[in-house]
Protein backbone atom coordinates (compact mmCIF):
# COMPACT_ATOMS: atom_id res chain seq x y z
CA UNK A 1 -43.77 54.18 -35.72
CA UNK A 2 -41.65 51.17 -36.83
CA UNK A 3 -42.26 49.82 -40.32
CA UNK A 4 -44.25 46.68 -40.60
CA UNK A 5 -41.98 43.63 -40.78
CA UNK A 6 -41.93 42.09 -44.17
CA UNK A 7 -43.46 38.74 -44.99
CA UNK A 8 -40.43 37.81 -47.21
CA UNK A 9 -38.03 34.89 -45.97
CA UNK A 10 -35.06 36.24 -44.09
CA UNK A 11 -31.63 36.49 -45.94
CA UNK A 12 -28.15 37.20 -44.94
CA UNK A 13 -28.61 41.02 -44.60
CA UNK A 14 -31.52 40.45 -41.91
CA UNK A 15 -28.88 38.87 -39.73
CA UNK A 16 -26.41 41.43 -40.48
CA UNK A 17 -28.81 43.97 -39.47
CA UNK A 18 -29.79 42.23 -36.43
CA UNK A 19 -26.13 41.94 -35.22
CA UNK A 20 -25.67 45.86 -35.70
CA UNK A 21 -28.86 46.99 -34.11
CA UNK A 22 -27.58 46.47 -30.54
CA UNK A 23 -24.07 48.03 -31.33
CA UNK A 24 -25.73 51.10 -33.14
CA UNK A 25 -29.00 51.67 -31.43
CA UNK A 26 -29.75 54.54 -33.84
CA UNK A 27 -29.35 52.34 -36.90
CA UNK A 28 -32.34 52.49 -39.26
CA UNK A 29 -32.71 48.71 -40.20
CA UNK A 30 -34.69 49.61 -43.40
CA UNK A 31 -31.99 51.95 -44.72
CA UNK A 32 -29.26 49.40 -43.55
CA UNK A 33 -30.92 46.60 -45.16
CA UNK A 34 -31.52 48.42 -48.40
CA UNK A 35 -27.98 49.78 -48.70
CA UNK A 36 -26.44 46.45 -47.69
CA UNK A 37 -28.51 44.62 -50.32
CA UNK A 38 -27.56 47.13 -52.96
CA UNK A 39 -24.01 46.68 -52.12
CA UNK A 40 -24.20 42.85 -52.10
CA UNK A 41 -26.14 42.87 -55.29
CA UNK A 42 -23.27 45.08 -56.86
CA UNK A 43 -20.62 42.67 -55.90
CA UNK A 44 -22.68 39.64 -57.04
CA UNK A 45 -23.12 41.11 -60.49
CA UNK A 46 -19.43 42.01 -60.60
CA UNK A 47 -18.55 38.40 -59.81
CA UNK A 48 -20.92 37.29 -62.62
CA UNK A 49 -19.36 39.71 -65.13
CA UNK A 50 -15.89 38.62 -64.23
CA UNK A 51 -16.72 35.03 -64.62
CA UNK A 52 -18.19 35.93 -67.90
CA UNK A 53 -14.94 37.53 -68.98
CA UNK A 54 -12.92 34.40 -68.01
CA UNK A 55 -15.51 32.33 -69.93
CA UNK A 56 -14.96 34.46 -73.04
CA UNK A 57 -11.04 34.71 -72.48
CA UNK A 58 -11.33 38.51 -72.02
CA UNK A 59 -9.47 40.82 -69.78
CA UNK A 60 -11.56 43.49 -68.16
CA UNK A 61 -9.73 46.32 -70.07
CA UNK A 62 -10.43 44.36 -73.41
CA UNK A 63 -14.05 43.96 -72.59
CA UNK A 64 -14.25 47.78 -71.64
CA UNK A 65 -12.79 48.57 -75.11
CA UNK A 66 -15.11 46.31 -76.97
CA UNK A 67 -17.98 47.56 -75.08
CA UNK A 68 -17.30 51.18 -75.58
CA UNK A 69 -16.70 50.46 -79.26
CA UNK A 70 -19.95 48.49 -79.45
CA UNK A 71 -21.80 51.37 -77.80
CA UNK A 72 -20.68 53.69 -80.66
CA UNK A 73 -22.30 51.43 -83.25
CA UNK A 74 -19.27 49.17 -83.70
CA UNK A 75 -17.06 51.87 -85.21
CA UNK A 76 -15.29 54.81 -83.69
CA UNK A 77 -11.98 56.82 -83.98
CA UNK A 78 -9.33 55.99 -81.56
CA UNK A 79 -9.62 59.46 -79.96
CA UNK A 80 -13.36 58.80 -79.46
CA UNK A 81 -12.42 55.54 -77.66
CA UNK A 82 -9.85 57.25 -75.52
CA UNK A 83 -12.44 59.78 -74.53
CA UNK A 84 -15.10 57.22 -73.76
CA UNK A 85 -12.47 55.05 -71.69
CA UNK A 86 -10.96 58.23 -70.10
CA UNK A 87 -7.49 57.25 -71.17
CA UNK A 88 -4.51 58.80 -72.88
CA UNK A 89 -4.54 57.96 -76.58
CA UNK A 90 -1.25 55.97 -76.35
CA UNK A 91 -2.98 53.67 -73.92
CA UNK A 92 -5.71 52.99 -76.29
CA UNK A 93 -3.31 52.29 -78.97
CA UNK A 94 -1.70 49.43 -76.96
CA UNK A 95 -5.32 48.01 -76.37
CA UNK A 96 -6.13 48.20 -79.94
CA UNK A 97 -2.87 46.55 -81.02
CA UNK A 98 -3.71 43.65 -78.55
CA UNK A 99 -7.32 43.36 -79.76
CA UNK A 100 -6.35 43.58 -83.45
CA UNK A 101 -3.97 40.74 -83.05
CA UNK A 102 -6.57 38.73 -81.55
CA UNK A 103 -8.93 39.60 -84.53
CA UNK A 104 -11.62 41.19 -82.41
CA UNK A 105 -11.17 44.66 -83.95
CA UNK A 106 -9.76 45.97 -87.23
CA UNK A 107 -8.26 49.42 -87.98
CA UNK A 108 -8.96 50.92 -91.43
CA UNK A 109 -8.33 54.36 -93.23
CA UNK A 110 -11.37 56.63 -92.88
CA UNK A 111 -13.03 57.11 -96.25
CA UNK A 112 -13.56 60.77 -95.67
CA UNK A 113 -10.12 61.72 -94.25
CA UNK A 114 -7.05 59.52 -95.01
CA UNK A 115 -5.25 61.00 -92.13
CA UNK A 116 -7.82 59.37 -89.82
CA UNK A 117 -8.09 55.73 -88.71
CA UNK A 118 -11.39 54.03 -87.95
CA UNK A 119 -11.60 51.12 -85.39
CA UNK A 120 -14.31 48.56 -86.13
CA UNK A 121 -15.59 45.45 -84.20
CA UNK A 122 -14.90 42.37 -86.26
CA UNK A 123 -17.62 39.59 -86.36
CA UNK A 124 -15.58 37.77 -83.83
CA UNK A 125 -15.26 40.79 -81.56
CA UNK A 126 -18.88 41.61 -81.66
CA UNK A 127 -19.69 37.72 -80.99
CA UNK A 128 -17.23 37.76 -77.90
CA UNK A 129 -18.54 41.01 -76.57
CA UNK A 130 -22.23 39.83 -77.05
CA UNK A 131 -21.58 36.55 -75.40
CA UNK A 132 -19.99 38.10 -72.26
CA UNK A 133 -22.90 40.65 -72.15
CA UNK A 134 -25.34 37.88 -72.57
CA UNK A 135 -24.16 36.05 -69.53
CA UNK A 136 -24.62 39.09 -67.26
CA UNK A 137 -27.88 40.14 -68.99
CA UNK A 138 -29.29 36.59 -68.33
CA UNK A 139 -28.46 36.84 -64.71
CA UNK A 140 -29.87 40.30 -64.29
CA UNK A 141 -33.17 38.96 -65.96
CA UNK A 142 -33.08 35.84 -63.79
CA UNK A 143 -32.86 37.81 -60.49
CA UNK A 144 -35.11 40.77 -61.47
CA UNK A 145 -37.59 38.02 -62.83
CA UNK A 146 -38.61 37.42 -59.20
CA UNK A 147 -40.57 40.55 -59.36
CA UNK A 148 -43.47 41.34 -61.45
CA UNK A 149 -43.20 43.78 -64.33
CA UNK A 150 -44.97 46.43 -62.15
CA UNK A 151 -42.65 45.88 -59.21
CA UNK A 152 -39.59 46.18 -61.54
CA UNK A 153 -40.84 49.41 -62.80
CA UNK A 154 -41.46 50.66 -59.16
CA UNK A 155 -38.01 49.39 -58.37
CA UNK A 156 -36.50 51.23 -61.35
CA UNK A 157 -38.19 54.48 -60.46
CA UNK A 158 -37.10 54.24 -56.92
CA UNK A 159 -33.51 53.60 -57.78
CA UNK A 160 -33.71 56.58 -60.25
CA UNK A 161 -34.63 58.93 -57.52
CA UNK A 162 -31.86 57.82 -55.35
CA UNK A 163 -29.52 58.15 -58.10
CA UNK A 164 -30.57 61.63 -58.88
CA UNK A 165 -29.85 62.52 -55.21
CA UNK A 166 -26.36 60.91 -55.56
CA UNK A 167 -25.69 62.77 -58.77
CA UNK A 168 -26.63 66.20 -57.25
CA UNK A 169 -23.97 65.69 -54.62
CA UNK A 170 -21.23 68.06 -55.52
CA UNK A 171 -18.90 66.78 -52.77
CA UNK A 172 -18.30 63.31 -54.39
CA UNK A 173 -16.68 63.16 -57.80
CA UNK A 174 -19.20 61.95 -60.44
CA UNK A 175 -18.81 58.87 -62.53
CA UNK A 176 -19.93 58.16 -66.17
CA UNK A 177 -21.45 54.70 -66.77
CA UNK A 178 -22.94 53.31 -69.76
CA UNK A 179 -24.69 50.01 -70.43
CA UNK A 180 -23.26 48.20 -67.42
CA UNK A 181 -20.79 50.75 -66.55
């Protein structure tokens, strides 16, 4: 039994599915529509994020480093950042040198072990990171704001179920995300 057509206005994906149905008769229009919309939303959010980086004069790797540092409460050892970023320690040192020159992070001696260095977000680093995050967060809220609170909860629960199935697939290498990857 075919699903009941939605009452929602048509979008680009509806036309995409219509074009492919004659080519692939076994194509499930609901699955194709959902997957295509998820891909397009992912691309859309990536573009918003990239524009926010331009607006805040950040390279992607700089944002990623600030983001991982912020995720550790604004302070971490370089080795912790290297692990979080899945990079060699020497690569993190180069990133930190550049961010420190820009005044976005500072390195200080650990108060508990003088052999250790602690990397901290500066006020300017935190402000820059938050500004870039706010742009994306605002757009996420704007788009998901077309749904009621109950619909957002249902969507989140459904996506969680799909992600759990993806995470259980041992044939594909797993990724580690964080707040926005």
